[in-house]
Amino acid sequence: MRYLFLPSLRRAIVFFAVSCGLLTSANAQTWNSNSSNPWQGRLRGDDQQRFDNYYKKWIENRERKDKSEIASMEVRMLEVYSHNGIPSNVPYDYVASPNVALPSNG
């Protein structure tokens, strides 16, 4: 009599394992559908251009160690975040367009 619960326990374990696998698979597909970065492509065209401009200036100011301009660009980038529902702890490079901060060849 004490072994009667084993088939139902096995079913529960299998169900749990399959459910976890499906959830993991769904999360992986969501993550990979946006170039492995869920934040890229979230901004509208005008917001993306403005953010990329701020981000590029932010990097240039960091290279020059211009603290007041660094802070100014951070405020502006965070305003774009706020306007688009992006948490403030998301790194700026996750939102910037790919290759936006590469040095120009000229």
N, C-alpha and C. Protein backbone atom coordinates (compact mmCIF):
# COMPACT_ATOMS: atom_id res chain seq x y z
N MET A 1 0.81 -1.20 0.00
CA MET A 1 0.00 0.00 0.00
C MET A 1 0.85 1.27 0.00
N ARG A 2 1.99 1.22 0.64
CA ARG A 2 2.76 2.44 0.75
C ARG A 2 3.40 2.87 -0.57
N TYR A 3 3.41 2.03 -1.60
CA TYR A 3 3.99 2.39 -2.89
C TYR A 3 2.94 2.89 -3.88
N LEU A 4 1.71 3.04 -3.48
CA LEU A 4 0.66 3.50 -4.39
C LEU A 4 0.86 4.95 -4.82
N PHE A 5 1.50 5.74 -4.02
CA PHE A 5 1.68 7.15 -4.36
C PHE A 5 2.78 7.37 -5.40
N LEU A 6 3.64 6.40 -5.66
CA LEU A 6 4.76 6.58 -6.56
C LEU A 6 4.36 6.95 -7.99
N PRO A 7 3.37 6.31 -8.61
CA PRO A 7 3.01 6.73 -9.97
C PRO A 7 2.56 8.19 -10.03
N SER A 8 1.78 8.63 -9.06
CA SER A 8 1.33 10.02 -9.09
C SER A 8 2.49 10.97 -8.78
N LEU A 9 3.41 10.54 -7.92
CA LEU A 9 4.59 11.35 -7.64
C LEU A 9 5.45 11.47 -8.89
N ARG A 10 5.62 10.38 -9.60
CA ARG A 10 6.39 10.41 -10.85
C ARG A 10 5.75 11.34 -11.85
N ARG A 11 4.42 11.27 -11.97
CA ARG A 11 3.72 12.17 -12.90
C ARG A 11 3.94 13.63 -12.51
N ALA A 12 3.89 13.91 -11.22
CA ALA A 12 4.09 15.29 -10.76
C ALA A 12 5.51 15.76 -11.06
N ILE A 13 6.48 14.90 -10.85
CA ILE A 13 7.87 15.27 -11.13
C ILE A 13 8.08 15.50 -12.62
N VAL A 14 7.52 14.62 -13.44
CA VAL A 14 7.65 14.77 -14.89
C VAL A 14 6.95 16.06 -15.34
N PHE A 15 5.77 16.32 -14.82
CA PHE A 15 5.05 17.54 -15.17
C PHE A 15 5.86 18.78 -14.79
N PHE A 16 6.43 18.76 -13.59
CA PHE A 16 7.25 19.88 -13.12
C PHE A 16 8.46 20.09 -14.03
N ALA A 17 9.13 19.01 -14.37
CA ALA A 17 10.33 19.10 -15.20
C ALA A 17 9.99 19.63 -16.60
N VAL A 18 8.91 19.13 -17.16
CA VAL A 18 8.50 19.59 -18.49
C VAL A 18 8.09 21.06 -18.43
N SER A 19 7.37 21.46 -17.39
CA SER A 19 6.96 22.86 -17.25
C SER A 19 8.16 23.78 -17.14
N CYS A 20 9.14 23.40 -16.34
CA CYS A 20 10.35 24.22 -16.22
C CYS A 20 11.09 24.31 -17.54
N GLY A 21 11.15 23.22 -18.25
CA GLY A 21 11.81 23.22 -19.55
C GLY A 21 11.12 24.13 -20.55
N LEU A 22 9.79 24.12 -20.56
CA LEU A 22 9.05 24.99 -21.46
C LEU A 22 9.23 26.45 -21.11
N LEU A 23 9.22 26.76 -19.81
CA LEU A 23 9.42 28.15 -19.39
C LEU A 23 10.81 28.64 -19.76
N THR A 24 11.80 27.79 -19.54
CA THR A 24 13.17 28.16 -19.88
C THR A 24 13.30 28.37 -21.38
N SER A 25 12.68 27.51 -22.15
CA SER A 25 12.72 27.63 -23.60
C SER A 25 12.05 28.92 -24.06
N ALA A 26 10.90 29.26 -23.48
CA ALA A 26 10.20 30.48 -23.85
C ALA A 26 11.02 31.71 -23.51
N ASN A 27 11.66 31.71 -22.34
CA ASN A 27 12.50 32.85 -21.96
C ASN A 27 13.70 32.97 -22.89
N ALA A 28 14.30 31.86 -23.26
CA ALA A 28 15.45 31.90 -24.15
C ALA A 28 15.05 32.43 -25.52
N GLN A 29 13.87 32.05 -26.01
CA GLN A 29 13.43 32.54 -27.30
C GLN A 29 13.18 34.04 -27.25
N THR A 30 12.59 34.54 -26.17
CA THR A 30 12.35 35.97 -26.02
C THR A 30 13.67 36.71 -25.99
N TRP A 31 14.64 36.21 -25.24
CA TRP A 31 15.94 36.86 -25.12
C TRP A 31 16.64 36.87 -26.47
N ASN A 32 16.62 35.75 -27.21
CA ASN A 32 17.35 35.65 -28.46
C ASN A 32 16.64 36.34 -29.62
N SER A 33 15.36 36.64 -29.49
CA SER A 33 14.65 37.25 -30.60
C SER A 33 15.10 38.67 -30.85
N ASN A 34 15.72 39.33 -29.89
CA ASN A 34 16.21 40.70 -30.05
C ASN A 34 17.73 40.74 -30.05
N SER A 35 18.36 39.99 -30.92
CA SER A 35 19.81 40.00 -31.05
C SER A 35 20.49 39.72 -29.71
N SER A 36 19.94 38.83 -28.93
CA SER A 36 20.44 38.44 -27.61
C SER A 36 20.48 39.61 -26.63
N ASN A 37 19.73 40.65 -26.90
CA ASN A 37 19.65 41.80 -26.01
C ASN A 37 18.22 42.32 -26.04
N PRO A 38 17.47 42.13 -24.97
CA PRO A 38 16.06 42.53 -24.99
C PRO A 38 15.84 44.04 -25.01
N TRP A 39 16.87 44.84 -24.82
CA TRP A 39 16.68 46.29 -24.76
C TRP A 39 16.95 46.96 -26.09
N GLN A 40 17.72 46.32 -26.96
CA GLN A 40 17.97 46.93 -28.26
C GLN A 40 16.72 46.86 -29.11
N GLY A 41 16.46 47.96 -29.81
CA GLY A 41 15.28 48.00 -30.67
C GLY A 41 14.03 48.42 -29.94
N ARG A 42 14.12 48.78 -28.67
CA ARG A 42 12.94 49.19 -27.90
C ARG A 42 12.54 50.64 -28.14
N LEU A 43 13.47 51.46 -28.62
CA LEU A 43 13.20 52.88 -28.78
C LEU A 43 12.66 53.18 -30.17
N ARG A 44 11.77 54.16 -30.26
CA ARG A 44 11.29 54.64 -31.56
C ARG A 44 12.46 55.32 -32.26
N GLY A 45 12.36 55.48 -33.56
CA GLY A 45 13.45 56.03 -34.36
C GLY A 45 14.03 57.32 -33.84
N ASP A 46 13.18 58.30 -33.51
CA ASP A 46 13.69 59.59 -33.05
C ASP A 46 14.33 59.46 -31.67
N ASP A 47 13.75 58.67 -30.80
CA ASP A 47 14.35 58.44 -29.48
C ASP A 47 15.66 57.68 -29.59
N GLN A 48 15.73 56.73 -30.51
CA GLN A 48 16.96 55.96 -30.69
C GLN A 48 18.09 56.86 -31.19
N GLN A 49 17.79 57.72 -32.16
CA GLN A 49 18.82 58.63 -32.67
C GLN A 49 19.31 59.57 -31.58
N ARG A 50 18.38 60.11 -30.81
CA ARG A 50 18.76 61.02 -29.73
C ARG A 50 19.59 60.29 -28.68
N PHE A 51 19.14 59.07 -28.30
CA PHE A 51 19.89 58.30 -27.30
C PHE A 51 21.29 57.98 -27.81
N ASP A 52 21.40 57.55 -29.06
CA ASP A 52 22.72 57.22 -29.62
C ASP A 52 23.64 58.44 -29.61
N ASN A 53 23.09 59.61 -29.91
CA ASN A 53 23.87 60.84 -29.87
C ASN A 53 24.37 61.12 -28.45
N TYR A 54 23.48 61.00 -27.46
CA TYR A 54 23.87 61.21 -26.07
C TYR A 54 24.93 60.19 -25.64
N TYR A 55 24.72 58.94 -26.04
CA TYR A 55 25.64 57.87 -25.66
C TYR A 55 27.03 58.11 -26.24
N LYS A 56 27.09 58.51 -27.51
CA LYS A 56 28.38 58.78 -28.14
C LYS A 56 29.09 59.94 -27.44
N LYS A 57 28.35 61.00 -27.13
CA LYS A 57 28.94 62.14 -26.41
C LYS A 57 29.37 61.72 -25.00
N TRP A 58 28.59 60.86 -24.37
CA TRP A 58 28.92 60.36 -23.03
C TRP A 58 30.28 59.65 -23.06
N ILE A 59 30.48 58.80 -24.07
CA ILE A 59 31.75 58.07 -24.19
C ILE A 59 32.90 59.05 -24.45
N GLU A 60 32.69 60.00 -25.34
CA GLU A 60 33.73 61.00 -25.62
C GLU A 60 34.08 61.78 -24.36
N ASN A 61 33.06 62.16 -23.59
CA ASN A 61 33.29 62.91 -22.36
C ASN A 61 34.01 62.07 -21.30
N ARG A 62 33.74 60.80 -21.28
CA ARG A 62 34.46 59.92 -20.34
C ARG A 62 35.92 59.84 -20.71
N GLU A 63 36.21 59.79 -22.01
CA GLU A 63 37.61 59.75 -22.45
C GLU A 63 38.33 61.04 -22.07
N ARG A 64 37.62 62.17 -22.12
CA ARG A 64 38.20 63.47 -21.75
C ARG A 64 38.12 63.74 -20.24
N LYS A 65 37.42 62.86 -19.52
CA LYS A 65 37.23 63.00 -18.08
C LYS A 65 36.51 64.30 -17.71
N ASP A 66 35.54 64.68 -18.53
CA ASP A 66 34.76 65.89 -18.32
C ASP A 66 33.52 65.52 -17.49
N LYS A 67 33.66 65.60 -16.18
CA LYS A 67 32.63 65.10 -15.27
C LYS A 67 31.29 65.79 -15.42
N SER A 68 31.28 67.09 -15.65
CA SER A 68 30.00 67.78 -15.76
C SER A 68 29.25 67.36 -17.03
N GLU A 69 29.98 67.17 -18.13
CA GLU A 69 29.33 66.73 -19.37
C GLU A 69 28.92 65.26 -19.29
N ILE A 70 29.69 64.45 -18.58
CA ILE A 70 29.30 63.05 -18.36
C ILE A 70 27.96 63.02 -17.65
N ALA A 71 27.85 63.79 -16.58
CA ALA A 71 26.60 63.84 -15.80
C ALA A 71 25.45 64.36 -16.65
N SER A 72 25.71 65.37 -17.47
CA SER A 72 24.67 65.93 -18.33
C SER A 72 24.13 64.88 -19.31
N MET A 73 25.02 64.12 -19.92
CA MET A 73 24.59 63.09 -20.87
C MET A 73 23.85 61.97 -20.15
N GLU A 74 24.27 61.63 -18.93
CA GLU A 74 23.58 60.60 -18.16
C GLU A 74 22.14 61.02 -17.85
N VAL A 75 21.96 62.28 -17.47
CA VAL A 75 20.61 62.78 -17.20
C VAL A 75 19.76 62.66 -18.45
N ARG A 76 20.30 63.04 -19.58
CA ARG A 76 19.55 62.99 -20.83
C ARG A 76 19.21 61.55 -21.24
N MET A 77 20.19 60.64 -21.08
CA MET A 77 19.93 59.24 -21.43
C MET A 77 18.87 58.65 -20.50
N LEU A 78 18.92 59.00 -19.22
CA LEU A 78 17.93 58.49 -18.28
C LEU A 78 16.55 59.07 -18.54
N GLU A 79 16.47 60.28 -19.09
CA GLU A 79 15.18 60.83 -19.49
C GLU A 79 14.57 60.00 -20.62
N VAL A 80 15.41 59.58 -21.57
CA VAL A 80 14.94 58.72 -22.65
C VAL A 80 14.48 57.38 -22.07
N TYR A 81 15.25 56.84 -21.11
CA TYR A 81 14.85 55.60 -20.44
C TYR A 81 13.46 55.77 -19.83
N SER A 82 13.28 56.82 -19.06
CA SER A 82 12.02 57.06 -18.36
C SER A 82 10.86 57.18 -19.33
N HIS A 83 11.08 57.90 -20.41
CA HIS A 83 10.04 58.11 -21.41
C HIS A 83 9.63 56.80 -22.09
N ASN A 84 10.54 55.83 -22.11
CA ASN A 84 10.28 54.56 -22.81
C ASN A 84 10.11 53.37 -21.88
N GLY A 85 10.01 53.62 -20.57
CA GLY A 85 9.77 52.53 -19.62
C GLY A 85 10.95 51.60 -19.44
N ILE A 86 12.16 52.09 -19.59
CA ILE A 86 13.35 51.26 -19.41
C ILE A 86 13.89 51.52 -18.01
N PRO A 87 14.12 50.47 -17.22
CA PRO A 87 14.66 50.67 -15.87
C PRO A 87 16.02 51.37 -15.89
N SER A 88 16.26 52.19 -14.89
CA SER A 88 17.49 52.99 -14.86
C SER A 88 18.74 52.15 -14.65
N ASN A 89 18.59 50.90 -14.24
CA ASN A 89 19.77 50.06 -14.01
C ASN A 89 20.22 49.29 -15.27
N VAL A 90 19.54 49.50 -16.39
CA VAL A 90 19.95 48.86 -17.64
C VAL A 90 21.18 49.60 -18.17
N PRO A 91 22.27 48.89 -18.46
CA PRO A 91 23.47 49.56 -18.98
C PRO A 91 23.19 50.30 -20.28
N TYR A 92 23.82 51.45 -20.45
CA TYR A 92 23.57 52.27 -21.64
C TYR A 92 23.89 51.54 -22.93
N ASP A 93 24.95 50.73 -22.93
CA ASP A 93 25.32 50.05 -24.17
C ASP A 93 24.29 49.00 -24.58
N TYR A 94 23.41 48.59 -23.67
CA TYR A 94 22.35 47.65 -24.03
C TYR A 94 21.28 48.33 -24.87
N VAL A 95 21.13 49.64 -24.72
CA VAL A 95 20.08 50.38 -25.42
C VAL A 95 20.62 51.05 -26.68
N ALA A 96 21.89 51.40 -26.68
CA ALA A 96 22.50 52.06 -27.84
C ALA A 96 22.48 51.14 -29.06
N SER A 97 22.41 51.74 -30.21
CA SER A 97 22.48 50.97 -31.45
C SER A 97 23.84 50.29 -31.54
N PRO A 98 23.88 49.12 -32.20
CA PRO A 98 25.18 48.45 -32.36
C PRO A 98 26.17 49.35 -33.08
N ASN A 99 27.40 49.33 -32.64
CA ASN A 99 28.51 50.04 -33.28
C ASN A 99 28.41 51.57 -33.19
N VAL A 100 27.53 52.11 -32.37
CA VAL A 100 27.36 53.55 -32.30
C VAL A 100 28.61 54.25 -31.75
N ALA A 101 29.36 53.58 -30.93
CA ALA A 101 30.50 54.22 -30.28
C ALA A 101 31.84 53.85 -30.90
N LEU A 102 31.81 53.24 -32.07
CA LEU A 102 33.07 52.89 -32.72
C LEU A 102 33.75 54.16 -33.23
N PRO A 103 35.05 54.23 -33.15
CA PRO A 103 35.74 55.42 -33.66
C PRO A 103 35.58 55.54 -35.17
N SER A 104 35.49 56.76 -35.65
CA SER A 104 35.36 56.96 -37.08
C SER A 104 36.71 56.78 -37.76
N ASN A 105 36.67 56.36 -39.00
CA ASN A 105 37.93 56.14 -39.75
C ASN A 105 38.22 57.35 -40.63
N GLY A 106 38.50 58.46 -40.05
CA GLY A 106 38.78 59.60 -40.89
C GLY A 106 39.24 60.70 -40.11
